[in-house]
Each structure stands twice: as structure tokens, then as C-alpha cells.
């Protein structure tokens, strides 16, 4: 396994990320903790843009688990049919909505364990909600962050869990809250999978990736 970059280099990288975008935001549209949870659960194997297109009219009238239960599974499917695996996702959204109503008074719980106990909610989804809604330094590792973490050696690891731990271990504390957003946006728009846009990369001189593009 590749050795992580040294502290000073990682600090310099995140100093540049911060200077370029001090308050990075997630791109999934939501109006409260519940709609954020639903949006993230729907985003698995789908693009944020595709999820937003489907949920924009949905969240305009359904923004609580009670309203989701009133809409019903078929009503939800009618809104999210364009999203991959929509039937399974609709089933999980209805199940988690019922649990939120019956066990949490309609509120979204604020612990990782409680979130992960909900149907269709994995560690990555839980971390996104904890980070975006409650501002916790939770690192939600997706394919973009996994790629960037390994390419740049900011957070090398063979699994998403290993990369998550590496971010927590290697990224200086003052950058932890927004680390996963900086990394995901960098991976989505600059450090792309097939052809990274190295010419536009603000950390090009600090990145050890050997196959840089011009």
C-alpha cells in the first residue's frame, strides 16, 4: 500500500482547497434532515443531478415521513421512476419513514448507529447526513473520494473503510468538516476517472500521481 503524503503537504493541499472554496456544499437538494436522508438514499448508483430532477417536485409536497407514508409506495415510484433501482429504493424509503414515525417521533436520529439501522441506509449515507445536516466531521467515501484519496496519497487505502480512516488520520483537524466535500468535488470535476483535468488542478505540483494529463 502506498505511503500517505506527509503532514505539511496534506496541509498545503487543503489550504488551497479552502482558499478556492471556503464552504463547499453537497449538490443534493433538500429542505430538512428527512429530505436529505431520502435524497442520499436515492443517490446510490445514480447521479446527484438525476436525483435532484426527480426529487424537486417530490420534496415540494412531501417533506416529512408522515407525508411520505400518506403518498404511498406507488406514489413515490411515480416520482422516482427515472432513478436506478427505484422499486427497491422506494420500498426502503417507505420502511425507514415508518420507523422514523413509530420510533423517533418523525425526526431523523443523529447517531451513525441509529441511521445505519434504517432500511437502505449504509455507512456512507449516514456519514453524509451527519456531515451535511449536523456539521460533524464524518467522511462519506464514494468512488470519487476513493480514487482521489489513492491517486493523491492524501488517504490511500484498499477499501472505502480504509480510505475513510485514512482521511480521519491524515487530514488536519481544521479541514476535517469539509474534507469529504472538497475531495468529492475535486474527483467529480477535476481528478476524473478516465481523464483527469490536470491542467486545471490547483494541487498539481503537490500531487504524486504519475500519469498526469497535459
N, C-alpha and C. Protein backbone atom coordinates (compact mmCIF):
# COMPACT_ATOMS: atom_id res chain seq x y z
N UNK A 1 0.84 -1.20 0.00
CA UNK A 1 0.00 0.00 0.00
C UNK A 1 0.87 1.24 0.00
N UNK A 2 0.52 2.22 -0.83
CA UNK A 2 1.30 3.45 -0.91
C UNK A 2 1.30 4.19 0.43
N UNK A 3 2.39 4.86 0.71
CA UNK A 3 2.51 5.62 1.94
C UNK A 3 1.81 6.97 1.79
N UNK A 4 1.07 7.42 2.81
CA UNK A 4 0.40 8.72 2.71
C UNK A 4 1.40 9.87 2.56
N UNK A 5 0.95 10.96 1.98
CA UNK A 5 1.76 12.17 1.93
C UNK A 5 2.08 12.64 3.35
N UNK A 6 3.12 13.44 3.46
CA UNK A 6 3.48 13.96 4.78
C UNK A 6 2.49 15.05 5.22
N UNK A 7 2.49 15.33 6.49
CA UNK A 7 1.55 16.29 7.09
C UNK A 7 1.58 17.65 6.39
N UNK A 8 2.77 18.16 6.14
CA UNK A 8 2.90 19.52 5.58
C UNK A 8 2.31 19.60 4.17
N UNK A 9 2.50 18.54 3.37
CA UNK A 9 1.95 18.54 2.02
C UNK A 9 0.42 18.46 2.06
N UNK A 10 -0.11 17.59 2.91
CA UNK A 10 -1.56 17.48 3.03
C UNK A 10 -2.15 18.79 3.54
N UNK A 11 -1.48 19.42 4.49
CA UNK A 11 -1.96 20.72 5.00
C UNK A 11 -1.98 21.76 3.88
N UNK A 12 -0.94 21.75 3.05
CA UNK A 12 -0.88 22.70 1.93
C UNK A 12 -1.99 22.44 0.92
N UNK A 13 -2.29 21.17 0.66
CA UNK A 13 -3.36 20.81 -0.28
C UNK A 13 -4.71 21.34 0.20
N UNK A 14 -5.02 21.09 1.47
CA UNK A 14 -6.33 21.52 1.97
C UNK A 14 -6.39 23.02 2.20
N UNK A 15 -5.25 23.66 2.41
CA UNK A 15 -5.23 25.12 2.46
C UNK A 15 -5.65 25.70 1.12
N UNK A 16 -5.21 25.07 0.04
CA UNK A 16 -5.61 25.51 -1.31
C UNK A 16 -7.09 25.23 -1.58
N UNK A 17 -7.55 24.04 -1.19
CA UNK A 17 -8.97 23.73 -1.34
C UNK A 17 -9.82 24.76 -0.60
N UNK A 18 -9.41 25.09 0.61
CA UNK A 18 -10.15 26.06 1.42
C UNK A 18 -10.14 27.44 0.79
N UNK A 19 -9.00 27.84 0.27
CA UNK A 19 -8.90 29.16 -0.35
C UNK A 19 -9.78 29.25 -1.60
N UNK A 20 -9.88 28.15 -2.35
CA UNK A 20 -10.68 28.15 -3.57
C UNK A 20 -12.17 28.07 -3.27
N UNK A 21 -12.56 27.36 -2.20
CA UNK A 21 -13.97 27.19 -1.85
C UNK A 21 -14.07 27.01 -0.34
N UNK A 22 -14.19 28.11 0.42
CA UNK A 22 -14.18 28.01 1.89
C UNK A 22 -15.32 27.19 2.47
N UNK A 23 -16.49 27.22 1.85
CA UNK A 23 -17.65 26.50 2.37
C UNK A 23 -18.25 25.61 1.27
N UNK A 24 -17.60 24.50 0.94
CA UNK A 24 -18.13 23.63 -0.11
C UNK A 24 -19.46 23.01 0.32
N UNK A 25 -20.35 22.85 -0.64
CA UNK A 25 -21.67 22.32 -0.35
C UNK A 25 -21.92 21.05 -1.14
N UNK A 26 -22.69 20.14 -0.55
CA UNK A 26 -23.14 18.97 -1.29
C UNK A 26 -24.13 19.39 -2.35
N UNK A 27 -24.25 18.61 -3.40
CA UNK A 27 -25.08 19.02 -4.53
C UNK A 27 -26.49 18.41 -4.52
N UNK A 28 -26.79 17.57 -3.53
CA UNK A 28 -28.14 17.03 -3.43
C UNK A 28 -29.07 18.06 -2.80
N UNK A 29 -30.18 18.35 -3.47
CA UNK A 29 -31.13 19.34 -2.97
C UNK A 29 -31.98 18.73 -1.85
N UNK A 30 -32.24 19.52 -0.81
CA UNK A 30 -33.05 19.06 0.31
C UNK A 30 -33.55 20.27 1.08
N UNK A 31 -34.57 20.05 1.92
CA UNK A 31 -35.13 21.17 2.69
C UNK A 31 -35.03 20.94 4.20
N UNK A 32 -34.74 19.71 4.60
CA UNK A 32 -34.57 19.39 6.02
C UNK A 32 -33.80 18.07 6.14
N UNK A 33 -33.61 17.60 7.37
CA UNK A 33 -32.84 16.38 7.58
C UNK A 33 -33.50 15.17 6.92
N UNK A 34 -34.82 15.12 6.95
CA UNK A 34 -35.53 13.98 6.36
C UNK A 34 -35.34 13.93 4.85
N UNK A 35 -35.54 15.05 4.17
CA UNK A 35 -35.40 15.04 2.71
C UNK A 35 -33.94 14.80 2.31
N UNK A 36 -32.99 15.25 3.14
CA UNK A 36 -31.59 14.95 2.87
C UNK A 36 -31.36 13.45 2.95
N UNK A 37 -31.87 12.83 4.01
CA UNK A 37 -31.73 11.38 4.18
C UNK A 37 -32.31 10.64 2.98
N UNK A 38 -33.49 11.02 2.55
CA UNK A 38 -34.13 10.37 1.41
C UNK A 38 -33.31 10.58 0.14
N UNK A 39 -32.86 11.81 -0.08
CA UNK A 39 -32.10 12.11 -1.28
C UNK A 39 -30.81 11.29 -1.34
N UNK A 40 -30.11 11.19 -0.22
CA UNK A 40 -28.86 10.43 -0.20
C UNK A 40 -29.14 8.95 -0.43
N UNK A 41 -30.20 8.43 0.19
CA UNK A 41 -30.55 7.03 -0.01
C UNK A 41 -30.90 6.75 -1.47
N UNK A 42 -31.52 7.71 -2.14
CA UNK A 42 -31.87 7.54 -3.55
C UNK A 42 -30.67 7.69 -4.48
N UNK A 43 -29.60 8.31 -3.99
CA UNK A 43 -28.47 8.65 -4.87
C UNK A 43 -27.52 7.49 -5.12
N UNK A 44 -27.69 6.37 -4.43
CA UNK A 44 -26.82 5.22 -4.66
C UNK A 44 -26.91 4.78 -6.13
N UNK A 45 -25.76 4.68 -6.79
CA UNK A 45 -25.69 4.29 -8.19
C UNK A 45 -26.52 5.21 -9.08
N UNK A 46 -26.58 6.47 -8.71
CA UNK A 46 -27.29 7.47 -9.52
C UNK A 46 -26.54 8.80 -9.39
N UNK A 47 -26.77 9.70 -10.31
CA UNK A 47 -26.11 11.00 -10.25
C UNK A 47 -26.92 11.95 -9.37
N UNK A 48 -26.24 12.92 -8.76
CA UNK A 48 -26.94 13.92 -7.96
C UNK A 48 -27.91 14.70 -8.83
N UNK A 49 -27.51 15.01 -10.06
CA UNK A 49 -28.39 15.77 -10.97
C UNK A 49 -29.66 14.99 -11.26
N UNK A 50 -29.53 13.68 -11.47
CA UNK A 50 -30.70 12.86 -11.74
C UNK A 50 -31.62 12.75 -10.55
N UNK A 51 -31.04 12.64 -9.35
CA UNK A 51 -31.83 12.58 -8.14
C UNK A 51 -32.55 13.91 -7.93
N UNK A 52 -31.84 15.01 -8.10
CA UNK A 52 -32.46 16.33 -7.90
C UNK A 52 -33.63 16.55 -8.84
N UNK A 53 -33.49 16.11 -10.08
CA UNK A 53 -34.57 16.29 -11.05
C UNK A 53 -35.82 15.55 -10.60
N UNK A 54 -35.62 14.36 -10.00
CA UNK A 54 -36.76 13.56 -9.55
C UNK A 54 -37.35 14.07 -8.24
N UNK A 55 -36.49 14.53 -7.34
CA UNK A 55 -36.97 14.88 -6.00
C UNK A 55 -37.45 16.32 -5.88
N UNK A 56 -37.10 17.17 -6.82
CA UNK A 56 -37.51 18.58 -6.72
C UNK A 56 -39.03 18.70 -6.59
N UNK A 57 -39.81 18.11 -7.49
CA UNK A 57 -41.28 18.19 -7.32
C UNK A 57 -41.77 17.34 -6.15
N UNK A 58 -41.06 16.26 -5.84
CA UNK A 58 -41.46 15.40 -4.72
C UNK A 58 -41.35 16.15 -3.40
N UNK A 59 -40.20 16.77 -3.15
CA UNK A 59 -39.97 17.45 -1.88
C UNK A 59 -40.78 18.74 -1.74
N UNK A 60 -41.30 19.23 -2.86
CA UNK A 60 -42.15 20.42 -2.77
C UNK A 60 -43.44 20.11 -2.02
N UNK A 61 -43.84 18.84 -2.00
CA UNK A 61 -45.08 18.49 -1.30
C UNK A 61 -44.90 17.39 -0.25
N UNK A 62 -43.76 16.70 -0.28
CA UNK A 62 -43.50 15.63 0.69
C UNK A 62 -42.17 15.91 1.39
N UNK A 63 -42.24 16.43 2.63
CA UNK A 63 -41.01 16.78 3.34
C UNK A 63 -40.95 16.21 4.75
N UNK A 64 -41.83 15.26 5.07
CA UNK A 64 -41.81 14.59 6.36
C UNK A 64 -42.12 13.11 6.14
N UNK A 65 -41.72 12.24 7.07
CA UNK A 65 -42.05 10.83 6.91
C UNK A 65 -43.55 10.56 6.93
N UNK A 66 -44.31 11.34 7.68
CA UNK A 66 -45.78 11.18 7.67
C UNK A 66 -46.35 11.42 6.28
N UNK A 67 -45.89 12.48 5.63
CA UNK A 67 -46.38 12.79 4.29
C UNK A 67 -45.95 11.72 3.29
N UNK A 68 -44.75 11.16 3.50
CA UNK A 68 -44.28 10.09 2.60
C UNK A 68 -45.17 8.86 2.74
N UNK A 69 -45.53 8.51 3.97
CA UNK A 69 -46.41 7.37 4.18
C UNK A 69 -47.78 7.61 3.57
N UNK A 70 -48.24 8.85 3.64
CA UNK A 70 -49.53 9.20 3.04
C UNK A 70 -49.47 9.11 1.51
N UNK A 71 -48.32 9.47 0.95
CA UNK A 71 -48.14 9.38 -0.50
C UNK A 71 -48.19 7.93 -0.96
N UNK A 72 -47.57 7.05 -0.19
CA UNK A 72 -47.58 5.63 -0.52
C UNK A 72 -46.47 5.24 -1.48
N UNK A 73 -46.17 3.95 -1.50
CA UNK A 73 -45.05 3.45 -2.31
C UNK A 73 -45.25 3.70 -3.79
N UNK A 74 -46.44 3.46 -4.31
CA UNK A 74 -46.67 3.68 -5.75
C UNK A 74 -46.60 5.16 -6.09
N UNK A 75 -47.06 6.00 -5.16
CA UNK A 75 -46.96 7.44 -5.40
C UNK A 75 -45.52 7.89 -5.45
N UNK A 76 -44.69 7.31 -4.58
CA UNK A 76 -43.26 7.63 -4.59
C UNK A 76 -42.60 7.14 -5.87
N UNK A 77 -42.95 5.92 -6.27
CA UNK A 77 -42.38 5.37 -7.51
C UNK A 77 -42.67 6.26 -8.70
N UNK A 78 -43.84 6.84 -8.74
CA UNK A 78 -44.20 7.73 -9.85
C UNK A 78 -43.25 8.92 -9.96
N UNK A 79 -42.68 9.32 -8.82
CA UNK A 79 -41.74 10.45 -8.81
C UNK A 79 -40.31 10.03 -9.14
N UNK A 80 -39.92 8.81 -8.73
CA UNK A 80 -38.50 8.43 -8.81
C UNK A 80 -38.22 7.36 -9.86
N UNK A 81 -39.15 7.15 -10.77
CA UNK A 81 -39.01 6.08 -11.76
C UNK A 81 -37.76 6.24 -12.63
N UNK A 82 -37.26 7.47 -12.76
CA UNK A 82 -36.08 7.71 -13.60
C UNK A 82 -34.77 7.37 -12.89
N UNK A 83 -34.85 7.06 -11.60
CA UNK A 83 -33.65 6.74 -10.82
C UNK A 83 -33.43 5.23 -10.81
N UNK A 84 -32.20 4.81 -10.96
CA UNK A 84 -31.89 3.39 -10.96
C UNK A 84 -32.32 2.69 -9.68
N UNK A 85 -32.76 1.44 -9.81
CA UNK A 85 -33.19 0.61 -8.67
C UNK A 85 -34.35 1.27 -7.90
N UNK A 86 -35.22 1.96 -8.64
CA UNK A 86 -36.25 2.78 -7.98
C UNK A 86 -37.22 1.97 -7.14
N UNK A 87 -37.55 0.76 -7.55
CA UNK A 87 -38.52 -0.02 -6.77
C UNK A 87 -37.96 -0.41 -5.41
N UNK A 88 -36.73 -0.89 -5.38
CA UNK A 88 -36.11 -1.26 -4.11
C UNK A 88 -35.91 -0.03 -3.23
N UNK A 89 -35.50 1.09 -3.84
CA UNK A 89 -35.29 2.32 -3.09
C UNK A 89 -36.61 2.84 -2.52
N UNK A 90 -37.67 2.76 -3.31
CA UNK A 90 -38.99 3.21 -2.83
C UNK A 90 -39.43 2.37 -1.64
N UNK A 91 -39.20 1.08 -1.73
CA UNK A 91 -39.57 0.17 -0.63
C UNK A 91 -38.82 0.55 0.65
N UNK A 92 -37.52 0.83 0.50
CA UNK A 92 -36.71 1.20 1.67
C UNK A 92 -37.12 2.55 2.25
N UNK A 93 -37.44 3.50 1.38
CA UNK A 93 -37.86 4.82 1.86
C UNK A 93 -39.15 4.71 2.66
N UNK A 94 -40.06 3.88 2.20
CA UNK A 94 -41.31 3.71 2.95
C UNK A 94 -41.05 3.03 4.29
N UNK A 95 -40.18 2.04 4.30
CA UNK A 95 -39.86 1.34 5.55
C UNK A 95 -39.18 2.27 6.55
N UNK A 96 -38.19 3.04 6.08
CA UNK A 96 -37.48 3.94 7.01
C UNK A 96 -38.41 5.05 7.48
N UNK A 97 -39.32 5.48 6.63
CA UNK A 97 -40.26 6.53 7.03
C UNK A 97 -41.17 6.03 8.15
N UNK A 98 -41.62 4.78 8.03
CA UNK A 98 -42.48 4.21 9.08
C UNK A 98 -41.71 4.09 10.40
N UNK A 99 -40.45 3.67 10.32
CA UNK A 99 -39.63 3.56 11.53
C UNK A 99 -39.43 4.93 12.17
N UNK A 100 -39.19 5.95 11.35
CA UNK A 100 -38.99 7.30 11.88
C UNK A 100 -40.25 7.78 12.61
N UNK A 101 -41.40 7.48 12.05
CA UNK A 101 -42.67 7.88 12.68
C UNK A 101 -42.91 7.11 13.97
N UNK A 102 -42.72 5.81 13.92
CA UNK A 102 -43.07 4.95 15.06
C UNK A 102 -42.04 4.97 16.18
N UNK A 103 -40.77 5.16 15.84
CA UNK A 103 -39.73 5.05 16.86
C UNK A 103 -39.04 6.37 17.19
N UNK A 104 -39.12 7.36 16.31
CA UNK A 104 -38.38 8.60 16.52
C UNK A 104 -39.26 9.85 16.46
N UNK A 105 -40.55 9.67 16.55
CA UNK A 105 -41.44 10.81 16.54
C UNK A 105 -41.38 11.63 15.27
N UNK A 106 -41.01 10.98 14.16
CA UNK A 106 -40.94 11.67 12.88
C UNK A 106 -39.64 12.41 12.64
N UNK A 107 -38.71 12.34 13.60
CA UNK A 107 -37.43 13.04 13.46
C UNK A 107 -36.34 12.07 12.98
N UNK A 108 -35.33 12.62 12.33
CA UNK A 108 -34.19 11.82 11.88
C UNK A 108 -33.18 11.73 13.02
N UNK A 109 -32.79 10.51 13.43
CA UNK A 109 -31.82 10.37 14.52
C UNK A 109 -30.45 10.91 14.13
N UNK A 110 -29.68 11.32 15.13
CA UNK A 110 -28.40 11.97 14.84
C UNK A 110 -27.18 11.15 15.25
N UNK A 111 -27.33 9.83 15.29
CA UNK A 111 -26.15 8.99 15.52
C UNK A 111 -25.96 8.07 14.32
N UNK A 112 -24.72 7.72 14.07
CA UNK A 112 -24.43 6.85 12.93
C UNK A 112 -25.10 5.48 13.10
N UNK A 113 -25.05 4.94 14.31
CA UNK A 113 -25.63 3.62 14.55
C UNK A 113 -27.14 3.63 14.27
N UNK A 114 -27.83 4.65 14.75
CA UNK A 114 -29.28 4.72 14.54
C UNK A 114 -29.61 4.91 13.07
N UNK A 115 -28.83 5.72 12.39
CA UNK A 115 -29.06 5.94 10.96
C UNK A 115 -28.82 4.66 10.17
N UNK A 116 -27.73 3.96 10.49
CA UNK A 116 -27.41 2.74 9.75
C UNK A 116 -28.40 1.61 10.00
N UNK A 117 -29.14 1.71 11.08
CA UNK A 117 -30.16 0.69 11.37
C UNK A 117 -31.40 0.86 10.50
N UNK A 118 -31.51 2.00 9.80
CA UNK A 118 -32.66 2.24 8.94
C UNK A 118 -32.50 1.49 7.62
N UNK A 119 -33.59 0.98 7.04
CA UNK A 119 -33.51 0.25 5.76
C UNK A 119 -32.92 1.11 4.65
N UNK A 120 -31.95 0.54 3.92
CA UNK A 120 -31.36 1.24 2.79
C UNK A 120 -30.34 2.29 3.15
N UNK A 121 -29.98 2.39 4.43
CA UNK A 121 -29.01 3.41 4.87
C UNK A 121 -27.72 2.71 5.30
N UNK A 122 -26.67 2.91 4.52
CA UNK A 122 -25.37 2.37 4.86
C UNK A 122 -24.50 3.41 5.53
N UNK A 123 -23.26 3.06 5.76
CA UNK A 123 -22.35 3.96 6.46
C UNK A 123 -22.12 5.26 5.67
N UNK A 124 -22.00 5.15 4.34
CA UNK A 124 -21.76 6.35 3.54
C UNK A 124 -22.95 7.30 3.64
N UNK A 125 -24.16 6.78 3.51
CA UNK A 125 -25.35 7.62 3.61
C UNK A 125 -25.43 8.27 4.99
N UNK A 126 -25.18 7.48 6.03
CA UNK A 126 -25.21 8.02 7.39
C UNK A 126 -24.20 9.14 7.55
N UNK A 127 -23.00 8.95 7.01
CA UNK A 127 -21.96 9.97 7.14
C UNK A 127 -22.31 11.25 6.40
N UNK A 128 -22.95 11.12 5.24
CA UNK A 128 -23.37 12.32 4.51
C UNK A 128 -24.35 13.12 5.34
N UNK A 129 -25.34 12.45 5.92
CA UNK A 129 -26.36 13.14 6.72
C UNK A 129 -25.72 13.78 7.96
N UNK A 130 -24.85 13.04 8.63
CA UNK A 130 -24.18 13.58 9.83
C UNK A 130 -23.35 14.80 9.48
N UNK A 131 -22.70 14.76 8.33
CA UNK A 131 -21.83 15.88 7.93
C UNK A 131 -22.64 17.07 7.44
N UNK A 132 -23.57 16.82 6.52
CA UNK A 132 -24.27 17.93 5.88
C UNK A 132 -25.32 18.57 6.78
N UNK A 133 -25.96 17.78 7.63
CA UNK A 133 -27.02 18.36 8.45
C UNK A 133 -26.53 18.78 9.83
N UNK A 134 -25.71 17.93 10.45
CA UNK A 134 -25.27 18.25 11.81
C UNK A 134 -23.85 18.81 11.87
N UNK A 135 -23.18 18.89 10.75
CA UNK A 135 -21.86 19.50 10.71
C UNK A 135 -20.76 18.69 11.36
N UNK A 136 -20.97 17.40 11.50
CA UNK A 136 -19.93 16.55 12.08
C UNK A 136 -18.85 16.24 11.06
N UNK A 137 -17.62 16.02 11.48
CA UNK A 137 -16.53 15.70 10.55
C UNK A 137 -16.58 14.24 10.11
N UNK A 138 -17.71 13.83 9.55
CA UNK A 138 -17.89 12.46 9.08
C UNK A 138 -17.48 12.38 7.61
N UNK A 139 -16.75 11.36 7.26
CA UNK A 139 -16.18 11.25 5.91
C UNK A 139 -16.92 10.20 5.10
N UNK A 140 -17.74 10.64 4.17
CA UNK A 140 -18.53 9.74 3.33
C UNK A 140 -17.74 9.41 2.07
N UNK A 141 -17.16 8.24 2.02
CA UNK A 141 -16.27 7.87 0.92
C UNK A 141 -17.05 7.20 -0.21
N UNK A 142 -17.06 7.87 -1.36
CA UNK A 142 -17.67 7.28 -2.56
C UNK A 142 -16.55 6.96 -3.55
N UNK A 143 -16.92 6.63 -4.79
CA UNK A 143 -15.89 6.26 -5.77
C UNK A 143 -14.95 7.42 -6.08
N UNK A 144 -15.46 8.65 -6.08
CA UNK A 144 -14.61 9.81 -6.36
C UNK A 144 -13.56 9.99 -5.26
N UNK A 145 -14.00 9.93 -4.01
CA UNK A 145 -13.08 10.13 -2.89
C UNK A 145 -12.09 8.97 -2.81
N UNK A 146 -12.56 7.76 -3.08
CA UNK A 146 -11.67 6.60 -3.08
C UNK A 146 -10.55 6.80 -4.11
N UNK A 147 -10.92 7.27 -5.30
CA UNK A 147 -9.94 7.50 -6.36
C UNK A 147 -8.98 8.62 -5.99
N UNK A 148 -9.51 9.76 -5.56
CA UNK A 148 -8.66 10.90 -5.23
C UNK A 148 -7.75 10.59 -4.04
N UNK A 149 -8.31 9.93 -3.03
CA UNK A 149 -7.52 9.58 -1.86
C UNK A 149 -6.31 8.75 -2.21
N UNK A 150 -6.49 7.80 -3.15
CA UNK A 150 -5.40 6.94 -3.56
C UNK A 150 -4.47 7.60 -4.57
N UNK A 151 -5.02 8.31 -5.54
CA UNK A 151 -4.17 8.97 -6.54
C UNK A 151 -3.24 9.99 -5.92
N UNK A 152 -3.79 10.80 -5.05
CA UNK A 152 -3.01 11.89 -4.46
C UNK A 152 -2.18 11.43 -3.28
N UNK A 153 -2.53 10.26 -2.72
CA UNK A 153 -1.93 9.71 -1.50
C UNK A 153 -2.26 10.57 -0.27
N UNK A 154 -3.35 11.34 -0.37
CA UNK A 154 -3.86 12.03 0.82
C UNK A 154 -4.39 10.98 1.80
N UNK A 155 -5.10 9.99 1.24
CA UNK A 155 -5.72 8.96 2.07
C UNK A 155 -5.73 7.63 1.33
N UNK A 156 -4.59 6.99 1.19
CA UNK A 156 -4.55 5.72 0.48
C UNK A 156 -5.20 4.60 1.28
N UNK A 157 -5.84 3.68 0.55
CA UNK A 157 -6.47 2.54 1.22
C UNK A 157 -7.05 1.60 0.19
N UNK A 158 -7.11 0.31 0.54
CA UNK A 158 -7.62 -0.70 -0.40
C UNK A 158 -9.14 -0.79 -0.38
N UNK A 159 -9.77 -0.29 0.67
CA UNK A 159 -11.23 -0.34 0.78
C UNK A 159 -11.74 1.06 1.15
N UNK A 160 -13.07 1.25 0.98
CA UNK A 160 -13.64 2.56 1.34
C UNK A 160 -13.48 2.83 2.83
N UNK A 161 -13.59 1.77 3.65
CA UNK A 161 -13.41 1.96 5.09
C UNK A 161 -11.99 2.38 5.42
N UNK A 162 -11.02 1.80 4.70
CA UNK A 162 -9.63 2.17 4.94
C UNK A 162 -9.36 3.61 4.53
N UNK A 163 -9.96 4.04 3.41
CA UNK A 163 -9.80 5.43 2.97
C UNK A 163 -10.46 6.38 3.96
N UNK A 164 -11.63 5.99 4.47
CA UNK A 164 -12.30 6.83 5.48
C UNK A 164 -11.41 7.02 6.70
N UNK A 165 -10.82 5.94 7.18
CA UNK A 165 -9.93 6.04 8.34
C UNK A 165 -8.70 6.87 8.01
N UNK A 166 -8.20 6.73 6.78
CA UNK A 166 -7.00 7.48 6.38
C UNK A 166 -7.28 8.98 6.33
N UNK A 167 -8.48 9.36 5.88
CA UNK A 167 -8.84 10.79 5.88
C UNK A 167 -8.86 11.29 7.32
N UNK A 168 -9.49 10.53 8.20
CA UNK A 168 -9.57 10.93 9.61
C UNK A 168 -8.18 11.02 10.24
N UNK A 169 -7.29 10.12 9.83
CA UNK A 169 -5.95 10.09 10.41
C UNK A 169 -5.02 11.15 9.83
N UNK A 170 -5.15 11.44 8.53
CA UNK A 170 -4.15 12.25 7.85
C UNK A 170 -4.52 13.71 7.63
N UNK A 171 -5.81 14.00 7.51
CA UNK A 171 -6.23 15.38 7.22
C UNK A 171 -6.23 16.19 8.52
N UNK A 172 -5.56 17.35 8.55
CA UNK A 172 -5.53 18.17 9.75
C UNK A 172 -6.94 18.53 10.25
N UNK A 173 -7.07 18.65 11.55
CA UNK A 173 -8.37 18.80 12.19
C UNK A 173 -9.18 19.97 11.65
N UNK A 174 -8.51 21.08 11.33
CA UNK A 174 -9.25 22.26 10.89
C UNK A 174 -9.92 22.08 9.52
N UNK A 175 -9.53 21.02 8.80
CA UNK A 175 -10.11 20.76 7.48
C UNK A 175 -11.05 19.55 7.48
N UNK A 176 -11.22 18.88 8.61
CA UNK A 176 -11.97 17.63 8.64
C UNK A 176 -13.44 17.81 8.26
N UNK A 177 -14.07 18.89 8.72
CA UNK A 177 -15.50 19.03 8.47
C UNK A 177 -15.84 19.04 6.99
N UNK A 178 -15.03 19.72 6.18
CA UNK A 178 -15.35 19.84 4.75
C UNK A 178 -14.50 18.93 3.87
N UNK A 179 -13.67 18.09 4.48
CA UNK A 179 -12.73 17.28 3.70
C UNK A 179 -13.43 16.45 2.62
N UNK A 180 -14.52 15.78 2.99
CA UNK A 180 -15.13 14.88 2.01
C UNK A 180 -15.77 15.66 0.86
N UNK A 181 -16.26 16.88 1.12
CA UNK A 181 -16.82 17.68 0.04
C UNK A 181 -15.74 18.18 -0.91
N UNK A 182 -14.62 18.65 -0.35
CA UNK A 182 -13.53 19.08 -1.23
C UNK A 182 -13.05 17.93 -2.11
N UNK A 183 -12.91 16.76 -1.51
CA UNK A 183 -12.39 15.61 -2.25
C UNK A 183 -13.38 15.11 -3.29
N UNK A 184 -14.67 15.08 -2.95
CA UNK A 184 -15.65 14.58 -3.93
C UNK A 184 -15.80 15.55 -5.10
N UNK A 185 -15.81 16.84 -4.83
CA UNK A 185 -15.92 17.82 -5.91
C UNK A 185 -14.67 17.82 -6.77
N UNK A 186 -13.52 17.63 -6.15
CA UNK A 186 -12.27 17.55 -6.92
C UNK A 186 -12.29 16.32 -7.83
N UNK A 187 -12.78 15.21 -7.30
CA UNK A 187 -12.86 13.99 -8.09
C UNK A 187 -13.90 14.06 -9.19
N UNK A 188 -14.98 14.75 -8.92
CA UNK A 188 -16.09 14.84 -9.89
C UNK A 188 -15.75 15.74 -11.07
N UNK A 189 -15.05 16.84 -10.80
CA UNK A 189 -14.84 17.85 -11.85
C UNK A 189 -13.41 18.01 -12.33
N UNK A 190 -12.43 17.55 -11.57
CA UNK A 190 -11.03 17.72 -11.97
C UNK A 190 -10.31 16.38 -12.06
N UNK A 191 -10.22 15.68 -10.97
CA UNK A 191 -9.48 14.42 -10.92
C UNK A 191 -10.39 13.27 -11.36
N UNK A 192 -10.85 13.35 -12.61
CA UNK A 192 -11.81 12.39 -13.14
C UNK A 192 -11.17 11.02 -13.35
N UNK A 193 -12.04 10.01 -13.45
CA UNK A 193 -11.55 8.63 -13.51
C UNK A 193 -10.71 8.35 -14.76
N UNK A 194 -11.29 8.59 -15.92
CA UNK A 194 -10.60 8.20 -17.15
C UNK A 194 -9.59 9.23 -17.64
N UNK A 195 -9.93 10.49 -17.49
CA UNK A 195 -9.03 11.54 -17.99
C UNK A 195 -9.05 12.71 -17.03
N UNK A 196 -8.20 12.70 -16.02
CA UNK A 196 -8.16 13.83 -15.09
C UNK A 196 -7.75 15.11 -15.80
N UNK A 197 -8.32 16.23 -15.34
CA UNK A 197 -8.03 17.52 -15.95
C UNK A 197 -6.88 18.17 -15.17
N UNK A 198 -5.72 17.58 -15.31
CA UNK A 198 -4.57 18.01 -14.51
C UNK A 198 -4.16 19.46 -14.79
N UNK A 199 -4.42 19.94 -16.01
CA UNK A 199 -4.05 21.32 -16.34
C UNK A 199 -4.81 22.32 -15.48
N UNK A 200 -5.99 21.94 -14.99
CA UNK A 200 -6.81 22.84 -14.17
C UNK A 200 -6.73 22.52 -12.68
N UNK A 201 -5.80 21.66 -12.30
CA UNK A 201 -5.72 21.18 -10.93
C UNK A 201 -4.92 22.13 -10.04
N UNK A 202 -5.52 22.59 -8.96
CA UNK A 202 -4.84 23.56 -8.08
C UNK A 202 -3.82 22.90 -7.16
N UNK A 203 -3.79 21.57 -7.17
CA UNK A 203 -2.78 20.89 -6.34
C UNK A 203 -1.83 20.06 -7.20
N UNK A 204 -1.76 20.37 -8.47
CA UNK A 204 -0.96 19.57 -9.41
C UNK A 204 0.48 19.40 -8.93
N UNK A 205 1.10 20.47 -8.46
CA UNK A 205 2.51 20.40 -8.06
C UNK A 205 2.71 19.63 -6.76
N UNK A 206 1.64 19.39 -6.03
CA UNK A 206 1.74 18.66 -4.76
C UNK A 206 1.29 17.21 -4.90
N UNK A 207 0.73 16.88 -6.04
CA UNK A 207 0.17 15.53 -6.26
C UNK A 207 1.21 14.59 -6.86
N UNK A 208 1.41 13.41 -6.28
CA UNK A 208 2.42 12.48 -6.78
C UNK A 208 1.93 11.58 -7.92
N UNK A 209 0.69 11.74 -8.36
CA UNK A 209 0.15 10.89 -9.43
C UNK A 209 1.03 10.99 -10.66
N UNK A 210 1.48 9.85 -11.18
CA UNK A 210 2.47 9.85 -12.25
C UNK A 210 1.88 10.06 -13.63
N UNK A 211 0.65 9.61 -13.87
CA UNK A 211 0.07 9.68 -15.21
C UNK A 211 -0.73 10.96 -15.41
N UNK A 212 -0.12 12.10 -15.12
CA UNK A 212 -0.82 13.37 -15.28
C UNK A 212 -1.08 13.67 -16.74
N UNK A 213 -2.20 14.34 -17.01
CA UNK A 213 -2.52 14.78 -18.36
C UNK A 213 -2.03 16.22 -18.52
N UNK A 214 -1.90 16.62 -19.77
CA UNK A 214 -1.43 17.99 -20.05
C UNK A 214 -2.61 18.96 -20.11
